[in-house]
Amino acid sequence: MRGIDRQIREIQREENKVKKSCKDAAKRNDIASSKILAKEIVQSRRAVSRLYANKVRSKRYVQGRLAFVVGKL
């Protein structure tokens, strides 16, 4: 769980850096690089949503295993 949280924070940090770069490129009227950076932002957001989904699945699995073990006692 902590590893997933760490990955999420790392991706979000990188996303903020890319967002700033994208804004700077847009100010310079560099449309090609701003489009590439915008696509990178979208990919990072998708990655974060996938990580959240994996976190929920693993949490559900752990809770299910715990209920199974407690039920055996």
N, C-alpha and C. Protein backbone atom coordinates (compact mmCIF):
# COMPACT_ATOMS: atom_id res chain seq x y z
N MET A 1 0.83 -1.19 0.00
CA MET A 1 0.00 0.00 0.00
C MET A 1 0.87 1.25 0.00
N ARG A 2 1.87 1.27 0.83
CA ARG A 2 2.73 2.45 0.89
C ARG A 2 3.50 2.65 -0.39
N GLY A 3 3.88 1.54 -1.00
CA GLY A 3 4.59 1.61 -2.27
C GLY A 3 3.72 2.23 -3.35
N ILE A 4 2.45 1.86 -3.37
CA ILE A 4 1.52 2.42 -4.34
C ILE A 4 1.34 3.91 -4.08
N ASP A 5 1.18 4.29 -2.82
CA ASP A 5 1.05 5.71 -2.47
C ASP A 5 2.28 6.49 -2.89
N ARG A 6 3.44 5.90 -2.71
CA ARG A 6 4.69 6.55 -3.09
C ARG A 6 4.75 6.76 -4.60
N GLN A 7 4.33 5.75 -5.35
CA GLN A 7 4.31 5.86 -6.81
C GLN A 7 3.34 6.95 -7.26
N ILE A 8 2.19 7.02 -6.62
CA ILE A 8 1.20 8.04 -6.97
C ILE A 8 1.76 9.43 -6.73
N ARG A 9 2.37 9.64 -5.58
CA ARG A 9 2.95 10.96 -5.28
C ARG A 9 4.05 11.32 -6.27
N GLU A 10 4.87 10.35 -6.62
CA GLU A 10 5.96 10.58 -7.57
C GLU A 10 5.42 10.98 -8.94
N ILE A 11 4.41 10.29 -9.41
CA ILE A 11 3.80 10.61 -10.71
C ILE A 11 3.16 11.99 -10.67
N GLN A 12 2.50 12.31 -9.57
CA GLN A 12 1.86 13.62 -9.47
C GLN A 12 2.89 14.75 -9.43
N ARG A 13 4.03 14.50 -8.78
CA ARG A 13 5.10 15.50 -8.78
C ARG A 13 5.61 15.75 -10.19
N GLU A 14 5.84 14.65 -10.91
CA GLU A 14 6.29 14.78 -12.30
C GLU A 14 5.23 15.46 -13.16
N GLU A 15 3.97 15.16 -12.89
CA GLU A 15 2.89 15.79 -13.65
C GLU A 15 2.90 17.30 -13.47
N ASN A 16 3.13 17.75 -12.25
CA ASN A 16 3.19 19.20 -11.99
C ASN A 16 4.35 19.84 -12.76
N LYS A 17 5.49 19.15 -12.82
CA LYS A 17 6.63 19.69 -13.58
C LYS A 17 6.29 19.79 -15.06
N VAL A 18 5.66 18.74 -15.58
CA VAL A 18 5.30 18.72 -17.00
C VAL A 18 4.25 19.78 -17.30
N LYS A 19 3.32 19.96 -16.36
CA LYS A 19 2.28 20.98 -16.54
C LYS A 19 2.90 22.37 -16.67
N LYS A 20 3.88 22.64 -15.83
CA LYS A 20 4.58 23.93 -15.88
C LYS A 20 5.32 24.09 -17.20
N SER A 21 5.97 23.02 -17.65
CA SER A 21 6.68 23.06 -18.93
C SER A 21 5.71 23.27 -20.08
N CYS A 22 4.55 22.66 -19.99
CA CYS A 22 3.54 22.80 -21.03
C CYS A 22 3.06 24.25 -21.11
N LYS A 23 2.84 24.86 -19.96
CA LYS A 23 2.41 26.26 -19.94
C LYS A 23 3.49 27.16 -20.52
N ASP A 24 4.75 26.90 -20.18
CA ASP A 24 5.85 27.69 -20.72
C ASP A 24 5.94 27.54 -22.24
N ALA A 25 5.76 26.32 -22.73
CA ALA A 25 5.80 26.08 -24.18
C ALA A 25 4.64 26.80 -24.87
N ALA A 26 3.49 26.82 -24.24
CA ALA A 26 2.34 27.51 -24.83
C ALA A 26 2.59 29.02 -24.88
N LYS A 27 3.24 29.55 -23.86
CA LYS A 27 3.56 30.98 -23.86
C LYS A 27 4.54 31.33 -24.97
N ARG A 28 5.42 30.37 -25.32
CA ARG A 28 6.39 30.59 -26.40
C ARG A 28 5.79 30.30 -27.77
N ASN A 29 4.51 29.95 -27.80
CA ASN A 29 3.81 29.55 -29.04
C ASN A 29 4.43 28.31 -29.68
N ASP A 30 4.96 27.42 -28.86
CA ASP A 30 5.53 26.17 -29.35
C ASP A 30 4.44 25.10 -29.23
N ILE A 31 3.61 25.04 -30.24
CA ILE A 31 2.41 24.20 -30.20
C ILE A 31 2.76 22.72 -30.19
N ALA A 32 3.76 22.33 -30.98
CA ALA A 32 4.10 20.91 -31.08
C ALA A 32 4.53 20.33 -29.73
N SER A 33 5.43 21.03 -29.07
CA SER A 33 5.89 20.50 -27.78
C SER A 33 4.81 20.60 -26.70
N SER A 34 3.96 21.63 -26.77
CA SER A 34 2.89 21.73 -25.77
C SER A 34 1.88 20.59 -25.95
N LYS A 35 1.64 20.16 -27.20
CA LYS A 35 0.74 19.02 -27.42
C LYS A 35 1.34 17.74 -26.86
N ILE A 36 2.63 17.55 -27.09
CA ILE A 36 3.31 16.36 -26.57
C ILE A 36 3.25 16.34 -25.05
N LEU A 37 3.51 17.49 -24.43
CA LEU A 37 3.49 17.57 -22.97
C LEU A 37 2.08 17.36 -22.43
N ALA A 38 1.07 17.86 -23.15
CA ALA A 38 -0.32 17.66 -22.72
C ALA A 38 -0.68 16.18 -22.76
N LYS A 39 -0.21 15.48 -23.80
CA LYS A 39 -0.46 14.04 -23.88
C LYS A 39 0.21 13.31 -22.72
N GLU A 40 1.39 13.77 -22.35
CA GLU A 40 2.09 13.16 -21.22
C GLU A 40 1.31 13.37 -19.91
N ILE A 41 0.70 14.53 -19.78
CA ILE A 41 -0.11 14.81 -18.59
C ILE A 41 -1.29 13.84 -18.53
N VAL A 42 -1.93 13.62 -19.68
CA VAL A 42 -3.07 12.70 -19.73
C VAL A 42 -2.63 11.29 -19.36
N GLN A 43 -1.48 10.86 -19.88
CA GLN A 43 -0.97 9.53 -19.57
C GLN A 43 -0.68 9.38 -18.08
N SER A 44 -0.12 10.43 -17.47
CA SER A 44 0.18 10.33 -16.04
C SER A 44 -1.09 10.26 -15.22
N ARG A 45 -2.12 10.98 -15.63
CA ARG A 45 -3.39 10.92 -14.90
C ARG A 45 -4.02 9.54 -15.02
N ARG A 46 -3.91 8.93 -16.20
CA ARG A 46 -4.42 7.57 -16.37
C ARG A 46 -3.65 6.59 -15.49
N ALA A 47 -2.33 6.79 -15.41
CA ALA A 47 -1.51 5.91 -14.58
C ALA A 47 -1.91 6.04 -13.11
N VAL A 48 -2.17 7.26 -12.67
CA VAL A 48 -2.58 7.47 -11.28
C VAL A 48 -3.93 6.81 -11.02
N SER A 49 -4.85 6.93 -11.95
CA SER A 49 -6.16 6.29 -11.74
C SER A 49 -6.04 4.77 -11.71
N ARG A 50 -5.14 4.21 -12.54
CA ARG A 50 -4.91 2.77 -12.50
C ARG A 50 -4.29 2.34 -11.17
N LEU A 51 -3.38 3.15 -10.66
CA LEU A 51 -2.77 2.83 -9.38
C LEU A 51 -3.80 2.88 -8.25
N TYR A 52 -4.68 3.86 -8.29
CA TYR A 52 -5.75 3.91 -7.28
C TYR A 52 -6.63 2.66 -7.36
N ALA A 53 -6.94 2.24 -8.58
CA ALA A 53 -7.77 1.04 -8.75
C ALA A 53 -7.04 -0.19 -8.20
N ASN A 54 -5.73 -0.31 -8.48
CA ASN A 54 -4.96 -1.43 -7.94
C ASN A 54 -4.92 -1.39 -6.42
N LYS A 55 -4.83 -0.20 -5.87
CA LYS A 55 -4.79 -0.05 -4.41
C LYS A 55 -6.10 -0.54 -3.80
N VAL A 56 -7.22 -0.18 -4.42
CA VAL A 56 -8.52 -0.61 -3.92
C VAL A 56 -8.65 -2.14 -4.01
N ARG A 57 -8.21 -2.70 -5.15
CA ARG A 57 -8.30 -4.14 -5.33
C ARG A 57 -7.46 -4.89 -4.29
N SER A 58 -6.26 -4.39 -4.05
CA SER A 58 -5.39 -5.08 -3.09
C SER A 58 -5.93 -4.93 -1.67
N LYS A 59 -6.50 -3.77 -1.38
CA LYS A 59 -7.09 -3.56 -0.05
C LYS A 59 -8.27 -4.50 0.15
N ARG A 60 -9.09 -4.66 -0.90
CA ARG A 60 -10.23 -5.56 -0.82
C ARG A 60 -9.77 -7.00 -0.63
N TYR A 61 -8.70 -7.37 -1.32
CA TYR A 61 -8.15 -8.72 -1.20
C TYR A 61 -7.67 -8.98 0.23
N VAL A 62 -6.95 -8.02 0.80
CA VAL A 62 -6.44 -8.17 2.16
C VAL A 62 -7.60 -8.29 3.15
N GLN A 63 -8.63 -7.48 2.96
CA GLN A 63 -9.78 -7.55 3.86
C GLN A 63 -10.51 -8.88 3.73
N GLY A 64 -10.60 -9.38 2.51
CA GLY A 64 -11.25 -10.67 2.30
C GLY A 64 -10.46 -11.79 2.94
N ARG A 65 -9.16 -11.75 2.81
CA ARG A 65 -8.30 -12.77 3.43
C ARG A 65 -8.42 -12.69 4.95
N LEU A 66 -8.45 -11.48 5.48
CA LEU A 66 -8.57 -11.30 6.92
C LEU A 66 -9.90 -11.86 7.42
N ALA A 67 -10.98 -11.60 6.71
CA ALA A 67 -12.28 -12.13 7.10
C ALA A 67 -12.28 -13.66 7.03
N PHE A 68 -11.61 -14.22 6.05
CA PHE A 68 -11.52 -15.66 5.91
C PHE A 68 -10.76 -16.27 7.08
N VAL A 69 -9.64 -15.64 7.45
CA VAL A 69 -8.82 -16.16 8.56
C VAL A 69 -9.56 -16.02 9.87
N VAL A 70 -10.20 -14.88 10.08
CA VAL A 70 -10.96 -14.66 11.33
C VAL A 70 -12.13 -15.63 11.40
N GLY A 71 -12.77 -15.91 10.27
CA GLY A 71 -13.89 -16.86 10.24
C GLY A 71 -13.46 -18.27 10.61
N LYS A 72 -12.20 -18.62 10.31
CA LYS A 72 -11.69 -19.95 10.65
C LYS A 72 -11.41 -20.08 12.14
N LEU A 73 -11.14 -18.95 12.79
CA LEU A 73 -10.82 -19.03 14.20
C LEU A 73 -12.08 -19.28 14.95
